[in-house]
Structure formats: C-alpha cells, structure tokens
C-alpha cells in the first residue's frame, strides 16, 4: 500500500524485496507499453548459458533468503 501511495521509503522498510519487485513490474509495464505503441521489436534473452542460468537461480534464492532474514530481524517499530 505504501508503494502505491508513493511513500517509497516506507514501502522499502516494510519489505525490500517486494519493493524492488514492484519497481521491476512498473518498469516492465512502461517498457511493454513503449514496445506496443511504437511497434519496436522486443528484447530477447535466449542466449543464456547454463552457468548464467545457474547464477540467476542462485541469486534469486539468496535474495529470498536475505529478505526473509531481514523480515525476521527488523526492529519492531517498523510496522
């Protein structure tokens, strides 16, 4: 709710991973609108090697773990 009310600092304090995810969705929506309106060919990421895919999977798991730890250890006054 804080993100949609444009209270970005409060939104980041609530849950940093969701905050980053919402920014990602917002930027993707802007990108998709530009591609559709101007009929630009979309970007493709088909050429990822197995090492790059493995790195992406590990990075996502690490980010989820760090976010979970943050949520467990955050100060009680944040809510």
PDB file of N, CA and C in Angstrom:
ATOM      1  N   UNK A   1       0.829  -1.188   0.000  1.00  0.00           N
ATOM      2  CA  UNK A   1       0.000   0.000   0.000  1.00  0.00           C
ATOM      3  C   UNK A   1       0.874   1.252   0.000  1.00  0.00           C
ATOM      4  N   UNK A   2       1.971   1.207   0.744  1.00  0.00           N
ATOM      5  CA  UNK A   2       2.856   2.370   0.803  1.00  0.00           C
ATOM      6  C   UNK A   2       3.416   2.699  -0.579  1.00  0.00           C
ATOM      7  N   UNK A   3       3.764   1.690  -1.344  1.00  0.00           N
ATOM      8  CA  UNK A   3       4.301   1.911  -2.686  1.00  0.00           C
ATOM      9  C   UNK A   3       3.289   2.630  -3.561  1.00  0.00           C
ATOM     10  N   UNK A   4       2.048   2.204  -3.514  1.00  0.00           N
ATOM     11  CA  UNK A   4       1.014   2.800  -4.360  1.00  0.00           C
ATOM     12  C   UNK A   4       0.583   4.172  -3.871  1.00  0.00           C
ATOM     13  N   UNK A   5       0.888   4.491  -2.620  1.00  0.00           N
ATOM     14  CA  UNK A   5       0.646   5.847  -2.116  1.00  0.00           C
ATOM     15  C   UNK A   5       1.885   6.727  -2.270  1.00  0.00           C
ATOM     16  N   UNK A   6       2.885   6.216  -2.982  1.00  0.00           N
ATOM     17  CA  UNK A   6       4.129   6.933  -3.296  1.00  0.00           C
ATOM     18  C   UNK A   6       4.978   7.235  -2.064  1.00  0.00           C
ATOM     19  N   UNK A   7       4.857   6.421  -1.033  1.00  0.00           N
ATOM     20  CA  UNK A   7       5.717   6.515   0.148  1.00  0.00           C
ATOM     21  C   UNK A   7       6.801   5.442  -0.003  1.00  0.00           C
ATOM     22  N   UNK A   8       7.793   5.733  -0.846  1.00  0.00           N
ATOM     23  CA  UNK A   8       8.742   4.721  -1.256  1.00  0.00           C
ATOM     24  C   UNK A   8       9.670   4.280  -0.126  1.00  0.00           C
ATOM     25  N   UNK A   9      10.088   5.184   0.720  1.00  0.00           N
ATOM     26  CA  UNK A   9      10.964   4.796   1.825  1.00  0.00           C
ATOM     27  C   UNK A   9      10.236   3.862   2.791  1.00  0.00           C
ATOM     28  N   UNK A  10       9.000   4.187   3.107  1.00  0.00           N
ATOM     29  CA  UNK A  10       8.213   3.322   3.994  1.00  0.00           C
ATOM     30  C   UNK A  10       7.964   1.965   3.340  1.00  0.00           C
ATOM     31  N   UNK A  11       7.713   1.965   2.048  1.00  0.00           N
ATOM     32  CA  UNK A  11       7.485   0.698   1.335  1.00  0.00           C
ATOM     33  C   UNK A  11       8.734  -0.167   1.364  1.00  0.00           C
ATOM     34  N   UNK A  12       9.892   0.460   1.211  1.00  0.00           N
ATOM     35  CA  UNK A  12      11.142  -0.301   1.244  1.00  0.00           C
ATOM     36  C   UNK A  12      11.414  -0.854   2.638  1.00  0.00           C
ATOM     37  N   UNK A  13      11.033  -0.112   3.664  1.00  0.00           N
ATOM     38  CA  UNK A  13      11.221  -0.608   5.035  1.00  0.00           C
ATOM     39  C   UNK A  13      10.294  -1.774   5.340  1.00  0.00           C
ATOM     40  N   UNK A  14       9.091  -1.772   4.767  1.00  0.00           N
ATOM     41  CA  UNK A  14       8.154  -2.862   5.016  1.00  0.00           C
ATOM     42  C   UNK A  14       8.690  -4.171   4.480  1.00  0.00           C
ATOM     43  N   UNK A  15       9.092  -4.164   3.197  1.00  0.00           N
ATOM     44  CA  UNK A  15       9.574  -5.392   2.584  1.00  0.00           C
ATOM     45  C   UNK A  15      10.420  -5.015   1.365  1.00  0.00           C
ATOM     46  N   UNK A  16      11.741  -5.025   1.508  1.00  0.00           N
ATOM     47  CA  UNK A  16      12.607  -4.560   0.422  1.00  0.00           C
ATOM     48  C   UNK A  16      12.476  -5.371  -0.870  1.00  0.00           C
ATOM     49  N   UNK A  17      12.275  -6.668  -0.777  1.00  0.00           N
ATOM     50  CA  UNK A  17      12.189  -7.482  -1.985  1.00  0.00           C
ATOM     51  C   UNK A  17      10.900  -7.196  -2.754  1.00  0.00           C
ATOM     52  N   UNK A  18       9.816  -7.029  -2.064  1.00  0.00           N
ATOM     53  CA  UNK A  18       8.557  -6.675  -2.731  1.00  0.00           C
ATOM     54  C   UNK A  18       8.683  -5.283  -3.342  1.00  0.00           C
ATOM     55  N   UNK A  19       9.344  -4.374  -2.652  1.00  0.00           N
ATOM     56  CA  UNK A  19       9.573  -3.028  -3.170  1.00  0.00           C
ATOM     57  C   UNK A  19      10.331  -3.087  -4.494  1.00  0.00           C
ATOM     58  N   UNK A  20      11.411  -3.846  -4.534  1.00  0.00           N
ATOM     59  CA  UNK A  20      12.191  -3.988  -5.768  1.00  0.00           C
ATOM     60  C   UNK A  20      11.353  -4.678  -6.844  1.00  0.00           C
ATOM     61  N   UNK A  21      10.580  -5.667  -6.454  1.00  0.00           N
ATOM     62  CA  UNK A  21       9.712  -6.356  -7.412  1.00  0.00           C
ATOM     63  C   UNK A  21       8.662  -5.444  -8.018  1.00  0.00           C
ATOM     64  N   UNK A  22       8.070  -4.587  -7.197  1.00  0.00           N
ATOM     65  CA  UNK A  22       7.070  -3.650  -7.714  1.00  0.00           C
ATOM     66  C   UNK A  22       7.699  -2.648  -8.672  1.00  0.00           C
ATOM     67  N   UNK A  23       8.927  -2.204  -8.375  1.00  0.00           N
ATOM     68  CA  UNK A  23       9.627  -1.322  -9.310  1.00  0.00           C
ATOM     69  C   UNK A  23       9.904  -2.062 -10.609  1.00  0.00           C
ATOM     70  N   UNK A  24      10.278  -3.323 -10.519  1.00  0.00           N
ATOM     71  CA  UNK A  24      10.523  -4.114 -11.726  1.00  0.00           C
ATOM     72  C   UNK A  24       9.273  -4.257 -12.581  1.00  0.00           C
ATOM     73  N   UNK A  25       8.148  -4.527 -11.939  1.00  0.00           N
ATOM     74  CA  UNK A  25       6.880  -4.641 -12.670  1.00  0.00           C
ATOM     75  C   UNK A  25       6.511  -3.307 -13.306  1.00  0.00           C
ATOM     76  N   UNK A  26       6.718  -2.212 -12.577  1.00  0.00           N
ATOM     77  CA  UNK A  26       6.414  -0.889 -13.115  1.00  0.00           C
ATOM     78  C   UNK A  26       7.266  -0.590 -14.344  1.00  0.00           C
ATOM     79  N   UNK A  27       8.567  -0.851 -14.250  1.00  0.00           N
ATOM     80  CA  UNK A  27       9.449  -0.595 -15.389  1.00  0.00           C
ATOM     81  C   UNK A  27       9.117  -1.511 -16.564  1.00  0.00           C
ATOM     82  N   UNK A  28       8.769  -2.759 -16.294  1.00  0.00           N
ATOM     83  CA  UNK A  28       8.380  -3.663 -17.370  1.00  0.00           C
ATOM     84  C   UNK A  28       7.106  -3.185 -18.052  1.00  0.00           C
ATOM     85  N   UNK A  29       6.142  -2.707 -17.276  1.00  0.00           N
ATOM     86  CA  UNK A  29       4.904  -2.200 -17.872  1.00  0.00           C
ATOM     87  C   UNK A  29       5.169  -1.003 -18.779  1.00  0.00           C
ATOM     88  N   UNK A  30       6.056  -0.114 -18.347  1.00  0.00           N
ATOM     89  CA  UNK A  30       6.420   1.034 -19.184  1.00  0.00           C
ATOM     90  C   UNK A  30       7.094   0.553 -20.459  1.00  0.00           C
ATOM     91  N   UNK A  31       8.027  -0.390 -20.326  1.00  0.00           N
ATOM     92  CA  UNK A  31       8.712  -0.958 -21.487  1.00  0.00           C
ATOM     93  C   UNK A  31       7.704  -1.615 -22.439  1.00  0.00           C
ATOM     94  N   UNK A  32       6.781  -2.411 -21.901  1.00  0.00           N
ATOM     95  CA  UNK A  32       5.800  -3.104 -22.737  1.00  0.00           C
ATOM     96  C   UNK A  32       4.900  -2.107 -23.458  1.00  0.00           C
ATOM     97  N   UNK A  33       4.516  -1.029 -22.790  1.00  0.00           N
ATOM     98  CA  UNK A  33       3.681  -0.012 -23.440  1.00  0.00           C
ATOM     99  C   UNK A  33       4.435   0.649 -24.593  1.00  0.00           C
ATOM    100  N   UNK A  34       5.712   0.932 -24.384  1.00  0.00           N
ATOM    101  CA  UNK A  34       6.517   1.548 -25.448  1.00  0.00           C
ATOM    102  C   UNK A  34       6.645   0.594 -26.634  1.00  0.00           C
ATOM    103  N   UNK A  35       6.894  -0.690 -26.367  1.00  0.00           N
ATOM    104  CA  UNK A  35       7.015  -1.676 -27.448  1.00  0.00           C
ATOM    105  C   UNK A  35       5.707  -1.771 -28.230  1.00  0.00           C
ATOM    106  N   UNK A  36       4.584  -1.780 -27.522  1.00  0.00           N
ATOM    107  CA  UNK A  36       3.297  -1.894 -28.206  1.00  0.00           C
ATOM    108  C   UNK A  36       2.930  -0.628 -28.967  1.00  0.00           C
ATOM    109  N   UNK A  37       3.160   0.530 -28.378  1.00  0.00           N
ATOM    110  CA  UNK A  37       2.773   1.779 -29.025  1.00  0.00           C
ATOM    111  C   UNK A  37       3.631   2.100 -30.239  1.00  0.00           C
ATOM    112  N   UNK A  38       4.928   1.862 -30.144  1.00  0.00           N
ATOM    113  CA  UNK A  38       5.836   2.231 -31.224  1.00  0.00           C
ATOM    114  C   UNK A  38       6.232   1.050 -32.102  1.00  0.00           C
ATOM    115  N   UNK A  39       5.656  -0.125 -31.838  1.00  0.00           N
ATOM    116  CA  UNK A  39       5.897  -1.344 -32.624  1.00  0.00           C
ATOM    117  C   UNK A  39       7.388  -1.653 -32.767  1.00  0.00           C
ATOM    118  N   UNK A  40       8.090  -1.518 -31.651  1.00  0.00           N
ATOM    119  CA  UNK A  40       9.514  -1.824 -31.587  1.00  0.00           C
ATOM    120  C   UNK A  40       9.660  -3.322 -31.323  1.00  0.00           C
ATOM    121  N   UNK A  41      10.624  -3.994 -31.952  1.00  0.00           N
ATOM    122  CA  UNK A  41      10.798  -5.423 -31.628  1.00  0.00           C
ATOM    123  C   UNK A  41      11.255  -5.601 -30.178  1.00  0.00           C
ATOM    124  N   UNK A  42      10.649  -6.541 -29.472  1.00  0.00           N
ATOM    125  CA  UNK A  42      11.003  -6.735 -28.059  1.00  0.00           C
ATOM    126  C   UNK A  42      12.388  -7.340 -27.898  1.00  0.00           C
ATOM    127  N   UNK A  43      12.964  -7.104 -26.732  1.00  0.00           N
ATOM    128  CA  UNK A  43      14.265  -7.699 -26.399  1.00  0.00           C
ATOM    129  C   UNK A  43      14.084  -9.196 -26.142  1.00  0.00           C
ATOM    130  N   UNK A  44      15.067  -9.977 -26.522  1.00  0.00           N
ATOM    131  CA  UNK A  44      15.043 -11.424 -26.284  1.00  0.00           C
ATOM    132  C   UNK A  44      16.302 -11.826 -25.543  1.00  0.00           C
ATOM    133  N   UNK A  45      16.167 -12.726 -24.592  1.00  0.00           N
ATOM    134  CA  UNK A  45      17.301 -13.235 -23.825  1.00  0.00           C
ATOM    135  C   UNK A  45      17.395 -14.738 -23.986  1.00  0.00           C
ATOM    136  N   UNK A  46      17.474 -15.209 -25.211  1.00  0.00           N
ATOM    137  CA  UNK A  46      17.503 -16.648 -25.476  1.00  0.00           C
ATOM    138  C   UNK A  46      18.891 -17.254 -25.336  1.00  0.00           C
ATOM    139  N   UNK A  47      19.934 -16.447 -25.413  1.00  0.00           N
ATOM    140  CA  UNK A  47      21.277 -16.984 -25.480  1.00  0.00           C
ATOM    141  C   UNK A  47      21.997 -17.111 -24.151  1.00  0.00           C
ATOM    142  N   UNK A  48      21.282 -17.370 -23.064  1.00  0.00           N
ATOM    143  CA  UNK A  48      21.943 -17.509 -21.765  1.00  0.00           C
ATOM    144  C   UNK A  48      22.579 -18.889 -21.639  1.00  0.00           C
ATOM    145  N   UNK A  49      23.794 -18.908 -21.159  1.00  0.00           N
ATOM    146  CA  UNK A  49      24.478 -20.188 -20.950  1.00  0.00           C
ATOM    147  C   UNK A  49      23.950 -20.848 -19.679  1.00  0.00           C
ATOM    148  N   UNK A  50      24.304 -22.091 -19.491  1.00  0.00           N
ATOM    149  CA  UNK A  50      23.842 -22.810 -18.296  1.00  0.00           C
ATOM    150  C   UNK A  50      24.435 -22.196 -17.032  1.00  0.00           C
ATOM    151  N   UNK A  51      25.666 -21.682 -17.102  1.00  0.00           N
ATOM    152  CA  UNK A  51      26.263 -21.023 -15.939  1.00  0.00           C
ATOM    153  C   UNK A  51      25.510 -19.743 -15.584  1.00  0.00           C
ATOM    154  N   UNK A  52      25.094 -18.997 -16.586  1.00  0.00           N
ATOM    155  CA  UNK A  52      24.344 -17.769 -16.327  1.00  0.00           C
ATOM    156  C   UNK A  52      22.973 -18.081 -15.740  1.00  0.00           C
ATOM    157  N   UNK A  53      22.331 -19.125 -16.242  1.00  0.00           N
ATOM    158  CA  UNK A  53      21.032 -19.517 -15.677  1.00  0.00           C
ATOM    159  C   UNK A  53      21.195 -19.998 -14.244  1.00  0.00           C
ATOM    160  N   UNK A  54      22.251 -20.752 -13.962  1.00  0.00           N
ATOM    161  CA  UNK A  54      22.507 -21.230 -12.602  1.00  0.00           C
ATOM    162  C   UNK A  54      22.770 -20.048 -11.667  1.00  0.00           C
ATOM    163  N   UNK A  55      23.562 -19.073 -12.136  1.00  0.00           N
ATOM    164  CA  UNK A  55      23.836 -17.888 -11.337  1.00  0.00           C
ATOM    165  C   UNK A  55      22.541 -17.134 -11.018  1.00  0.00           C
ATOM    166  N   UNK A  56      21.656 -16.994 -12.007  1.00  0.00           N
ATOM    167  CA  UNK A  56      20.379 -16.298 -11.788  1.00  0.00           C
ATOM    168  C   UNK A  56      19.532 -17.032 -10.751  1.00  0.00           C
ATOM    169  N   UNK A  57      19.489 -18.350 -10.838  1.00  0.00           N
ATOM    170  CA  UNK A  57      18.710 -19.122  -9.853  1.00  0.00           C
ATOM    171  C   UNK A  57      19.272 -18.963  -8.447  1.00  0.00           C
ATOM    172  N   UNK A  58      20.598 -19.050  -8.326  1.00  0.00           N
ATOM    173  CA  UNK A  58      21.227 -18.897  -7.009  1.00  0.00           C
ATOM    174  C   UNK A  58      21.003 -17.479  -6.480  1.00  0.00           C
ATOM    175  N   UNK A  59      21.104 -16.475  -7.351  1.00  0.00           N
ATOM    176  CA  UNK A  59      20.894 -15.084  -6.918  1.00  0.00           C
ATOM    177  C   UNK A  59      19.475 -14.887  -6.396  1.00  0.00           C
ATOM    178  N   UNK A  60      18.485 -15.462  -7.058  1.00  0.00           N
ATOM    179  CA  UNK A  60      17.097 -15.341  -6.599  1.00  0.00           C
ATOM    180  C   UNK A  60      16.932 -16.010  -5.240  1.00  0.00           C
ATOM    181  N   UNK A  61      17.502 -17.184  -5.062  1.00  0.00           N
ATOM    182  CA  UNK A  61      17.387 -17.892  -3.785  1.00  0.00           C
ATOM    183  C   UNK A  61      18.070 -17.096  -2.671  1.00  0.00           C
ATOM    184  N   UNK A  62      19.240 -16.535  -2.952  1.00  0.00           N
ATOM    185  CA  UNK A  62      19.952 -15.727  -1.952  1.00  0.00           C
ATOM    186  C   UNK A  62      19.140 -14.487  -1.598  1.00  0.00           C
ATOM    187  N   UNK A  63      18.569 -13.816  -2.599  1.00  0.00           N
ATOM    188  CA  UNK A  63      17.749 -12.629  -2.318  1.00  0.00           C
ATOM    189  C   UNK A  63      16.525 -12.977  -1.479  1.00  0.00           C
ATOM    190  N   UNK A  64      15.880 -14.080  -1.779  1.00  0.00           N
ATOM    191  CA  UNK A  64      14.731 -14.506  -0.971  1.00  0.00           C
ATOM    192  C   UNK A  64      15.156 -14.794   0.466  1.00  0.00           C
ATOM    193  N   UNK A  65      16.295 -15.451   0.631  1.00  0.00           N
ATOM    194  CA  UNK A  65      16.793 -15.751   1.977  1.00  0.00           C
ATOM    195  C   UNK A  65      17.156 -14.488   2.750  1.00  0.00           C
ATOM    196  N   UNK A  66      17.842 -13.554   2.085  1.00  0.00           N
ATOM    197  CA  UNK A  66      18.201 -12.301   2.758  1.00  0.00           C
ATOM    198  C   UNK A  66      16.974 -11.496   3.137  1.00  0.00           C
ATOM    199  N   UNK A  67      15.971 -11.478   2.248  1.00  0.00           N
ATOM    200  CA  UNK A  67      14.742 -10.757   2.564  1.00  0.00           C
ATOM    201  C   UNK A  67      14.027 -11.402   3.748  1.00  0.00           C
ATOM    202  N   UNK A  68      14.011 -12.721   3.789  1.00  0.00           N
ATOM    203  CA  UNK A  68      13.374 -13.431   4.890  1.00  0.00           C
ATOM    204  C   UNK A  68      14.080 -13.115   6.205  1.00  0.00           C
ATOM    205  N   UNK A  69      15.409 -13.112   6.181  1.00  0.00           N
ATOM    206  CA  UNK A  69      16.171 -12.766   7.386  1.00  0.00           C
ATOM    207  C   UNK A  69      15.880 -11.336   7.815  1.00  0.00           C
ATOM    208  N   UNK A  70      15.828 -10.405   6.861  1.00  0.00           N
ATOM    209  CA  UNK A  70      15.502  -9.014   7.183  1.00  0.00           C
ATOM    210  C   UNK A  70      14.140  -8.928   7.865  1.00  0.00           C
ATOM    211  N   UNK A  71      13.157  -9.627   7.315  1.00  0.00           N
ATOM    212  CA  UNK A  71      11.811  -9.568   7.897  1.00  0.00           C
ATOM    213  C   UNK A  71      11.768 -10.140   9.305  1.00  0.00           C
ATOM    214  N   UNK A  72      12.595 -11.163   9.563  1.00  0.00           N
ATOM    215  CA  UNK A  72      12.625 -11.749  10.893  1.00  0.00           C
ATOM    216  C   UNK A  72      13.367 -10.857  11.903  1.00  0.00           C
ATOM    217  N   UNK A  73      14.382 -10.125  11.438  1.00  0.00           N
ATOM    218  CA  UNK A  73      15.231  -9.372  12.367  1.00  0.00           C
ATOM    219  C   UNK A  73      14.919  -7.868  12.410  1.00  0.00           C
ATOM    220  N   UNK A  74      13.968  -7.421  11.631  1.00  0.00           N
ATOM    221  CA  UNK A  74      13.717  -5.972  11.593  1.00  0.00           C
ATOM    222  C   UNK A  74      13.200  -5.489  12.940  1.00  0.00           C
ATOM    223  N   UNK A  75      13.464  -4.216  13.233  1.00  0.00           N
ATOM    224  CA  UNK A  75      13.015  -3.667  14.512  1.00  0.00           C
ATOM    225  C   UNK A  75      11.492  -3.703  14.619  1.00  0.00           C
ATOM    226  N   UNK A  76      10.976  -3.864  15.828  1.00  0.00           N
ATOM    227  CA  UNK A  76       9.532  -3.999  15.997  1.00  0.00           C
ATOM    228  C   UNK A  76       8.760  -2.723  15.653  1.00  0.00           C
ATOM    229  N   UNK A  77       9.369  -1.568  15.654  1.00  0.00           N
ATOM    230  CA  UNK A  77       8.655  -0.326  15.376  1.00  0.00           C
ATOM    231  C   UNK A  77       8.408  -0.052  13.906  1.00  0.00           C
ATOM    232  N   UNK A  78       8.876  -0.917  13.021  1.00  0.00           N
ATOM    233  CA  UNK A  78       8.723  -0.672  11.578  1.00  0.00           C
ATOM    234  C   UNK A  78       7.276  -0.825  11.170  1.00  0.00           C
ATOM    235  N   UNK A  79       6.552  -1.760  11.760  1.00  0.00           N
ATOM    236  CA  UNK A  79       5.139  -1.919  11.420  1.00  0.00           C
ATOM    237  C   UNK A  79       4.387  -0.855  12.120  1.00  0.00           C
TER     238      UNK A  79
END
